[in-house]
Each structure stands twice: as C-alpha cells, then as structure tokens.
C-alpha cells in the first residue's frame, strides 16, 4: 500500500524528489505517513480535503483483501 500512495503522491506534487511516504505497521492497523514540500501540501490535501479523501477511499478499497485497516496521515509543520 505504501507504494500505491507513493505513486499517487509523486504524481500530484511538483517536487516528487522531496516527497516521502512511510508506513508504520501495527497488528491490524497500518498508518501511512505522507510528507511533502510545504508548497505541495495543498495539492495532496486538495480543496476541502477532497484529494486526501480520494486517496483514503482508494486505500480502503485496495485493503479489502488484506483484512487490515490503513490510515492516511499527511504531515503538516
């Protein structure tokens, strides 16, 4: 799932070299953390969070087979 989110994030931002996606694994829940350049945060979040919600929907649909829950966190400094 980390690779999926990383591909989406890198396609959205202007500076994909700075984008960093990490996964924190738990027993049933995994947290995927996205950190991008300050100027690119709005592109990941989207207007009223629409882009972030769309990424979360993709994660939910893709994780159905795994039986695990994935949470998307976007780092804001």
PDB file of N, CA and C in Angstrom:
ATOM      1  N   UNK A   1       0.810  -1.193   0.000  1.00  0.00           N
ATOM      2  CA  UNK A   1       0.000   0.000   0.000  1.00  0.00           C
ATOM      3  C   UNK A   1       0.857   1.262   0.000  1.00  0.00           C
ATOM      4  N   UNK A   2       2.024   1.160   0.638  1.00  0.00           N
ATOM      5  CA  UNK A   2       2.910   2.317   0.678  1.00  0.00           C
ATOM      6  C   UNK A   2       3.307   2.732  -0.731  1.00  0.00           C
ATOM      7  N   UNK A   3       3.586   1.763  -1.571  1.00  0.00           N
ATOM      8  CA  UNK A   3       3.989   2.056  -2.939  1.00  0.00           C
ATOM      9  C   UNK A   3       2.850   2.718  -3.718  1.00  0.00           C
ATOM     10  N   UNK A   4       1.635   2.285  -3.456  1.00  0.00           N
ATOM     11  CA  UNK A   4       0.466   2.869  -4.113  1.00  0.00           C
ATOM     12  C   UNK A   4       0.329   4.339  -3.747  1.00  0.00           C
ATOM     13  N   UNK A   5       0.393   4.644  -2.461  1.00  0.00           N
ATOM     14  CA  UNK A   5       0.269   6.032  -2.013  1.00  0.00           C
ATOM     15  C   UNK A   5       1.444   6.864  -2.504  1.00  0.00           C
ATOM     16  N   UNK A   6       2.631   6.272  -2.519  1.00  0.00           N
ATOM     17  CA  UNK A   6       3.802   6.995  -3.008  1.00  0.00           C
ATOM     18  C   UNK A   6       3.659   7.349  -4.486  1.00  0.00           C
ATOM     19  N   UNK A   7       3.141   6.444  -5.278  1.00  0.00           N
ATOM     20  CA  UNK A   7       2.940   6.719  -6.703  1.00  0.00           C
ATOM     21  C   UNK A   7       1.927   7.838  -6.904  1.00  0.00           C
ATOM     22  N   UNK A   8       0.848   7.825  -6.130  1.00  0.00           N
ATOM     23  CA  UNK A   8      -0.169   8.871  -6.238  1.00  0.00           C
ATOM     24  C   UNK A   8       0.407  10.214  -5.799  1.00  0.00           C
ATOM     25  N   UNK A   9       1.103  10.227  -4.669  1.00  0.00           N
ATOM     26  CA  UNK A   9       1.658  11.474  -4.143  1.00  0.00           C
ATOM     27  C   UNK A   9       2.686  12.074  -5.099  1.00  0.00           C
ATOM     28  N   UNK A  10       3.555  11.246  -5.636  1.00  0.00           N
ATOM     29  CA  UNK A  10       4.580  11.754  -6.555  1.00  0.00           C
ATOM     30  C   UNK A  10       3.976  12.282  -7.848  1.00  0.00           C
ATOM     31  N   UNK A  11       2.861  11.729  -8.259  1.00  0.00           N
ATOM     32  CA  UNK A  11       2.202  12.206  -9.475  1.00  0.00           C
ATOM     33  C   UNK A  11       1.520  13.553  -9.243  1.00  0.00           C
ATOM     34  N   UNK A  12       1.138  13.849  -8.012  1.00  0.00           N
ATOM     35  CA  UNK A  12       0.412  15.082  -7.716  1.00  0.00           C
ATOM     36  C   UNK A  12       1.304  16.290  -7.454  1.00  0.00           C
ATOM     37  N   UNK A  13       2.477  16.071  -6.911  1.00  0.00           N
ATOM     38  CA  UNK A  13       3.305  17.190  -6.462  1.00  0.00           C
ATOM     39  C   UNK A  13       4.250  17.686  -7.552  1.00  0.00           C
ATOM     40  N   UNK A  14       4.749  18.916  -7.365  1.00  0.00           N
ATOM     41  CA  UNK A  14       5.699  19.495  -8.310  1.00  0.00           C
ATOM     42  C   UNK A  14       7.120  18.992  -8.070  1.00  0.00           C
ATOM     43  N   UNK A  15       7.434  18.650  -6.818  1.00  0.00           N
ATOM     44  CA  UNK A  15       8.790  18.213  -6.466  1.00  0.00           C
ATOM     45  C   UNK A  15       8.734  16.802  -5.874  1.00  0.00           C
ATOM     46  N   UNK A  16       8.641  15.761  -6.715  1.00  0.00           N
ATOM     47  CA  UNK A  16       8.499  14.395  -6.207  1.00  0.00           C
ATOM     48  C   UNK A  16       9.740  13.863  -5.496  1.00  0.00           C
ATOM     49  N   UNK A  17      10.895  14.509  -5.700  1.00  0.00           N
ATOM     50  CA  UNK A  17      12.112  14.050  -5.025  1.00  0.00           C
ATOM     51  C   UNK A  17      12.057  14.307  -3.521  1.00  0.00           C
ATOM     52  N   UNK A  18      11.290  15.295  -3.112  1.00  0.00           N
ATOM     53  CA  UNK A  18      11.185  15.644  -1.696  1.00  0.00           C
ATOM     54  C   UNK A  18      10.102  14.807  -1.008  1.00  0.00           C
ATOM     55  N   UNK A  19       9.154  14.294  -1.772  1.00  0.00           N
ATOM     56  CA  UNK A  19       8.041  13.531  -1.193  1.00  0.00           C
ATOM     57  C   UNK A  19       8.556  12.265  -0.518  1.00  0.00           C
ATOM     58  N   UNK A  20       8.052  12.038   0.683  1.00  0.00           N
ATOM     59  CA  UNK A  20       8.462  10.863   1.451  1.00  0.00           C
ATOM     60  C   UNK A  20       7.221  10.185   2.018  1.00  0.00           C
ATOM     61  N   UNK A  21       7.089   8.903   1.742  1.00  0.00           N
ATOM     62  CA  UNK A  21       5.957   8.121   2.232  1.00  0.00           C
ATOM     63  C   UNK A  21       6.505   6.972   3.062  1.00  0.00           C
ATOM     64  N   UNK A  22       6.051   6.890   4.318  1.00  0.00           N
ATOM     65  CA  UNK A  22       6.488   5.809   5.197  1.00  0.00           C
ATOM     66  C   UNK A  22       5.269   5.075   5.739  1.00  0.00           C
ATOM     67  N   UNK A  23       5.485   3.846   6.145  1.00  0.00           N
ATOM     68  CA  UNK A  23       4.403   3.026   6.677  1.00  0.00           C
ATOM     69  C   UNK A  23       4.784   2.538   8.072  1.00  0.00           C
ATOM     70  N   UNK A  24       3.884   2.775   9.012  1.00  0.00           N
ATOM     71  CA  UNK A  24       4.062   2.295  10.373  1.00  0.00           C
ATOM     72  C   UNK A  24       3.098   1.132  10.546  1.00  0.00           C
ATOM     73  N   UNK A  25       3.648  -0.049  10.780  1.00  0.00           N
ATOM     74  CA  UNK A  25       2.824  -1.250  10.821  1.00  0.00           C
ATOM     75  C   UNK A  25       2.444  -1.607  12.251  1.00  0.00           C
ATOM     76  N   UNK A  26       1.157  -1.862  12.410  1.00  0.00           N
ATOM     77  CA  UNK A  26       0.643  -2.388  13.658  1.00  0.00           C
ATOM     78  C   UNK A  26       0.114  -3.787  13.416  1.00  0.00           C
ATOM     79  N   UNK A  27      -0.580  -4.342  14.389  1.00  0.00           N
ATOM     80  CA  UNK A  27      -1.101  -5.698  14.231  1.00  0.00           C
ATOM     81  C   UNK A  27      -2.230  -5.745  13.205  1.00  0.00           C
ATOM     82  N   UNK A  28      -3.220  -4.884  13.369  1.00  0.00           N
ATOM     83  CA  UNK A  28      -4.344  -4.839  12.424  1.00  0.00           C
ATOM     84  C   UNK A  28      -4.413  -3.523  11.660  1.00  0.00           C
ATOM     85  N   UNK A  29      -3.746  -2.513  12.158  1.00  0.00           N
ATOM     86  CA  UNK A  29      -3.827  -1.188  11.563  1.00  0.00           C
ATOM     87  C   UNK A  29      -2.449  -0.726  11.114  1.00  0.00           C
ATOM     88  N   UNK A  30      -2.407  -0.155   9.929  1.00  0.00           N
ATOM     89  CA  UNK A  30      -1.172   0.394   9.386  1.00  0.00           C
ATOM     90  C   UNK A  30      -1.406   1.881   9.131  1.00  0.00           C
ATOM     91  N   UNK A  31      -0.442   2.698   9.503  1.00  0.00           N
ATOM     92  CA  UNK A  31      -0.527   4.145   9.270  1.00  0.00           C
ATOM     93  C   UNK A  31       0.450   4.487   8.161  1.00  0.00           C
ATOM     94  N   UNK A  32      -0.055   5.153   7.135  1.00  0.00           N
ATOM     95  CA  UNK A  32       0.784   5.591   6.029  1.00  0.00           C
ATOM     96  C   UNK A  32       0.946   7.101   6.169  1.00  0.00           C
ATOM     97  N   UNK A  33       2.194   7.524   6.324  1.00  0.00           N
ATOM     98  CA  UNK A  33       2.509   8.926   6.577  1.00  0.00           C
ATOM     99  C   UNK A  33       3.098   9.534   5.314  1.00  0.00           C
ATOM    100  N   UNK A  34       2.508  10.656   4.881  1.00  0.00           N
ATOM    101  CA  UNK A  34       2.960  11.346   3.679  1.00  0.00           C
ATOM    102  C   UNK A  34       3.547  12.691   4.097  1.00  0.00           C
ATOM    103  N   UNK A  35       4.781  12.932   3.682  1.00  0.00           N
ATOM    104  CA  UNK A  35       5.450  14.198   3.959  1.00  0.00           C
ATOM    105  C   UNK A  35       5.945  14.754   2.636  1.00  0.00           C
ATOM    106  N   UNK A  36       5.464  15.934   2.267  1.00  0.00           N
ATOM    107  CA  UNK A  36       5.856  16.568   1.014  1.00  0.00           C
ATOM    108  C   UNK A  36       6.358  17.976   1.317  1.00  0.00           C
ATOM    109  N   UNK A  37       6.870  18.644   0.312  1.00  0.00           N
ATOM    110  CA  UNK A  37       7.328  20.018   0.471  1.00  0.00           C
ATOM    111  C   UNK A  37       6.150  20.906   0.875  1.00  0.00           C
ATOM    112  N   UNK A  38       6.472  21.973   1.577  1.00  0.00           N
ATOM    113  CA  UNK A  38       5.435  22.869   2.097  1.00  0.00           C
ATOM    114  C   UNK A  38       4.535  23.410   0.979  1.00  0.00           C
ATOM    115  N   UNK A  39       5.126  23.717  -0.158  1.00  0.00           N
ATOM    116  CA  UNK A  39       4.351  24.260  -1.284  1.00  0.00           C
ATOM    117  C   UNK A  39       3.423  23.222  -1.915  1.00  0.00           C
ATOM    118  N   UNK A  40       3.711  21.948  -1.727  1.00  0.00           N
ATOM    119  CA  UNK A  40       2.928  20.883  -2.353  1.00  0.00           C
ATOM    120  C   UNK A  40       1.841  20.309  -1.445  1.00  0.00           C
ATOM    121  N   UNK A  41       1.779  20.722  -0.201  1.00  0.00           N
ATOM    122  CA  UNK A  41       0.786  20.157   0.720  1.00  0.00           C
ATOM    123  C   UNK A  41      -0.647  20.366   0.246  1.00  0.00           C
ATOM    124  N   UNK A  42      -0.909  21.525  -0.302  1.00  0.00           N
ATOM    125  CA  UNK A  42      -2.255  21.810  -0.793  1.00  0.00           C
ATOM    126  C   UNK A  42      -2.671  20.883  -1.916  1.00  0.00           C
ATOM    127  N   UNK A  43      -1.721  20.416  -2.689  1.00  0.00           N
ATOM    128  CA  UNK A  43      -2.032  19.503  -3.788  1.00  0.00           C
ATOM    129  C   UNK A  43      -2.379  18.117  -3.268  1.00  0.00           C
ATOM    130  N   UNK A  44      -1.773  17.719  -2.157  1.00  0.00           N
ATOM    131  CA  UNK A  44      -2.092  16.421  -1.561  1.00  0.00           C
ATOM    132  C   UNK A  44      -3.418  16.475  -0.816  1.00  0.00           C
ATOM    133  N   UNK A  45      -3.666  17.575  -0.121  1.00  0.00           N
ATOM    134  CA  UNK A  45      -4.895  17.701   0.656  1.00  0.00           C
ATOM    135  C   UNK A  45      -6.080  18.007  -0.259  1.00  0.00           C
ATOM    136  N   UNK A  46      -5.882  18.920  -1.196  1.00  0.00           N
ATOM    137  CA  UNK A  46      -6.958  19.285  -2.113  1.00  0.00           C
ATOM    138  C   UNK A  46      -7.927  20.273  -1.496  1.00  0.00           C
ATOM    139  N   UNK A  47      -8.810  20.755  -2.299  1.00  0.00           N
ATOM    140  CA  UNK A  47      -9.804  21.717  -1.825  1.00  0.00           C
ATOM    141  C   UNK A  47     -10.773  21.014  -0.887  1.00  0.00           C
ATOM    142  N   UNK A  48     -10.850  21.541   0.332  1.00  0.00           N
ATOM    143  CA  UNK A  48     -11.691  20.982   1.401  1.00  0.00           C
ATOM    144  C   UNK A  48     -11.361  19.519   1.690  1.00  0.00           C
ATOM    145  N   UNK A  49     -10.135  19.112   1.405  1.00  0.00           N
ATOM    146  CA  UNK A  49      -9.704  17.748   1.705  1.00  0.00           C
ATOM    147  C   UNK A  49     -10.161  16.704   0.710  1.00  0.00           C
ATOM    148  N   UNK A  50     -10.607  17.140  -0.453  1.00  0.00           N
ATOM    149  CA  UNK A  50     -11.156  16.202  -1.440  1.00  0.00           C
ATOM    150  C   UNK A  50     -10.113  15.210  -1.956  1.00  0.00           C
ATOM    151  N   UNK A  51      -8.906  15.671  -2.216  1.00  0.00           N
ATOM    152  CA  UNK A  51      -7.870  14.772  -2.731  1.00  0.00           C
ATOM    153  C   UNK A  51      -7.449  13.767  -1.666  1.00  0.00           C
ATOM    154  N   UNK A  52      -7.284  14.237  -0.434  1.00  0.00           N
ATOM    155  CA  UNK A  52      -6.929  13.331   0.661  1.00  0.00           C
ATOM    156  C   UNK A  52      -8.024  12.293   0.882  1.00  0.00           C
ATOM    157  N   UNK A  53      -9.278  12.715   0.811  1.00  0.00           N
ATOM    158  CA  UNK A  53     -10.390  11.773   0.954  1.00  0.00           C
ATOM    159  C   UNK A  53     -10.398  10.746  -0.168  1.00  0.00           C
ATOM    160  N   UNK A  54     -10.046  11.173  -1.378  1.00  0.00           N
ATOM    161  CA  UNK A  54     -10.000  10.244  -2.509  1.00  0.00           C
ATOM    162  C   UNK A  54      -8.890   9.206  -2.308  1.00  0.00           C
ATOM    163  N   UNK A  55      -7.739   9.642  -1.805  1.00  0.00           N
ATOM    164  CA  UNK A  55      -6.647   8.702  -1.534  1.00  0.00           C
ATOM    165  C   UNK A  55      -7.072   7.724  -0.446  1.00  0.00           C
ATOM    166  N   UNK A  56      -7.769   8.210   0.580  1.00  0.00           N
ATOM    167  CA  UNK A  56      -8.258   7.323   1.652  1.00  0.00           C
ATOM    168  C   UNK A  56      -9.262   6.312   1.114  1.00  0.00           C
ATOM    169  N   UNK A  57     -10.100   6.722   0.173  1.00  0.00           N
ATOM    170  CA  UNK A  57     -11.065   5.812  -0.435  1.00  0.00           C
ATOM    171  C   UNK A  57     -10.350   4.724  -1.229  1.00  0.00           C
ATOM    172  N   UNK A  58      -9.318   5.100  -1.955  1.00  0.00           N
ATOM    173  CA  UNK A  58      -8.535   4.116  -2.707  1.00  0.00           C
ATOM    174  C   UNK A  58      -7.875   3.127  -1.752  1.00  0.00           C
ATOM    175  N   UNK A  59      -7.323   3.633  -0.646  1.00  0.00           N
ATOM    176  CA  UNK A  59      -6.709   2.755   0.347  1.00  0.00           C
ATOM    177  C   UNK A  59      -7.716   1.779   0.924  1.00  0.00           C
ATOM    178  N   UNK A  60      -8.902   2.277   1.225  1.00  0.00           N
ATOM    179  CA  UNK A  60      -9.944   1.420   1.800  1.00  0.00           C
ATOM    180  C   UNK A  60     -10.351   0.328   0.808  1.00  0.00           C
ATOM    181  N   UNK A  61     -10.500   0.698  -0.441  1.00  0.00           N
ATOM    182  CA  UNK A  61     -10.894  -0.284  -1.456  1.00  0.00           C
ATOM    183  C   UNK A  61      -9.788  -1.307  -1.705  1.00  0.00           C
ATOM    184  N   UNK A  62      -8.555  -0.848  -1.736  1.00  0.00           N
ATOM    185  CA  UNK A  62      -7.437  -1.749  -2.013  1.00  0.00           C
ATOM    186  C   UNK A  62      -7.106  -2.652  -0.827  1.00  0.00           C
ATOM    187  N   UNK A  63      -7.457  -2.235   0.365  1.00  0.00           N
ATOM    188  CA  UNK A  63      -7.113  -3.018   1.549  1.00  0.00           C
ATOM    189  C   UNK A  63      -8.172  -4.055   1.906  1.00  0.00           C
ATOM    190  N   UNK A  64      -9.227  -4.135   1.166  1.00  0.00           N
ATOM    191  CA  UNK A  64     -10.291  -5.076   1.464  1.00  0.00           C
ATOM    192  C   UNK A  64      -9.830  -6.521   1.499  1.00  0.00           C
ATOM    193  N   UNK A  65      -8.919  -6.871   0.659  1.00  0.00           N
ATOM    194  CA  UNK A  65      -8.428  -8.248   0.595  1.00  0.00           C
ATOM    195  C   UNK A  65      -7.476  -8.575   1.734  1.00  0.00           C
ATOM    196  N   UNK A  66      -6.747  -7.577   2.210  1.00  0.00           N
ATOM    197  CA  UNK A  66      -5.749  -7.799   3.257  1.00  0.00           C
ATOM    198  C   UNK A  66      -6.363  -8.054   4.623  1.00  0.00           C
ATOM    199  N   UNK A  67      -7.554  -7.519   4.846  1.00  0.00           N
ATOM    200  CA  UNK A  67      -8.165  -7.626   6.163  1.00  0.00           C
ATOM    201  C   UNK A  67      -7.508  -6.703   7.170  1.00  0.00           C
ATOM    202  N   UNK A  68      -6.788  -5.692   6.680  1.00  0.00           N
ATOM    203  CA  UNK A  68      -6.121  -4.732   7.543  1.00  0.00           C
ATOM    204  C   UNK A  68      -6.685  -3.347   7.273  1.00  0.00           C
ATOM    205  N   UNK A  69      -6.507  -2.476   8.240  1.00  0.00           N
ATOM    206  CA  UNK A  69      -7.004  -1.112   8.124  1.00  0.00           C
ATOM    207  C   UNK A  69      -5.819  -0.193   7.868  1.00  0.00           C
ATOM    208  N   UNK A  70      -5.968   0.706   6.913  1.00  0.00           N
ATOM    209  CA  UNK A  70      -4.910   1.656   6.586  1.00  0.00           C
ATOM    210  C   UNK A  70      -5.412   3.063   6.880  1.00  0.00           C
ATOM    211  N   UNK A  71      -4.567   3.846   7.536  1.00  0.00           N
ATOM    212  CA  UNK A  71      -4.885   5.226   7.880  1.00  0.00           C
ATOM    213  C   UNK A  71      -3.883   6.114   7.172  1.00  0.00           C
ATOM    214  N   UNK A  72      -4.371   7.163   6.513  1.00  0.00           N
ATOM    215  CA  UNK A  72      -3.514   8.106   5.822  1.00  0.00           C
ATOM    216  C   UNK A  72      -3.313   9.332   6.696  1.00  0.00           C
ATOM    217  N   UNK A  73      -2.049   9.674   6.946  1.00  0.00           N
ATOM    218  CA  UNK A  73      -1.699  10.873   7.702  1.00  0.00           C
ATOM    219  C   UNK A  73      -0.828  11.755   6.813  1.00  0.00           C
ATOM    220  N   UNK A  74      -1.173  13.027   6.755  1.00  0.00           N
ATOM    221  CA  UNK A  74      -0.392  13.994   5.973  1.00  0.00           C
ATOM    222  C   UNK A  74       0.301  14.917   6.974  1.00  0.00           C
ATOM    223  N   UNK A  75       1.618  14.990   6.909  1.00  0.00           N
ATOM    224  CA  UNK A  75       2.402  15.783   7.846  1.00  0.00           C
ATOM    225  C   UNK A  75       2.219  17.253   7.523  1.00  0.00           C
ATOM    226  N   UNK A  76       1.877  18.033   8.553  1.00  0.00           N
ATOM    227  CA  UNK A  76       1.774  19.488   8.418  1.00  0.00           C
ATOM    228  C   UNK A  76       2.626  20.113   9.500  1.00  0.00           C
ATOM    229  N   UNK A  77       3.633  20.860   9.104  1.00  0.00           N
ATOM    230  CA  UNK A  77       4.509  21.519  10.074  1.00  0.00           C
ATOM    231  C   UNK A  77       3.967  22.866  10.466  1.00  0.00           C
TER     232      UNK A  77
END
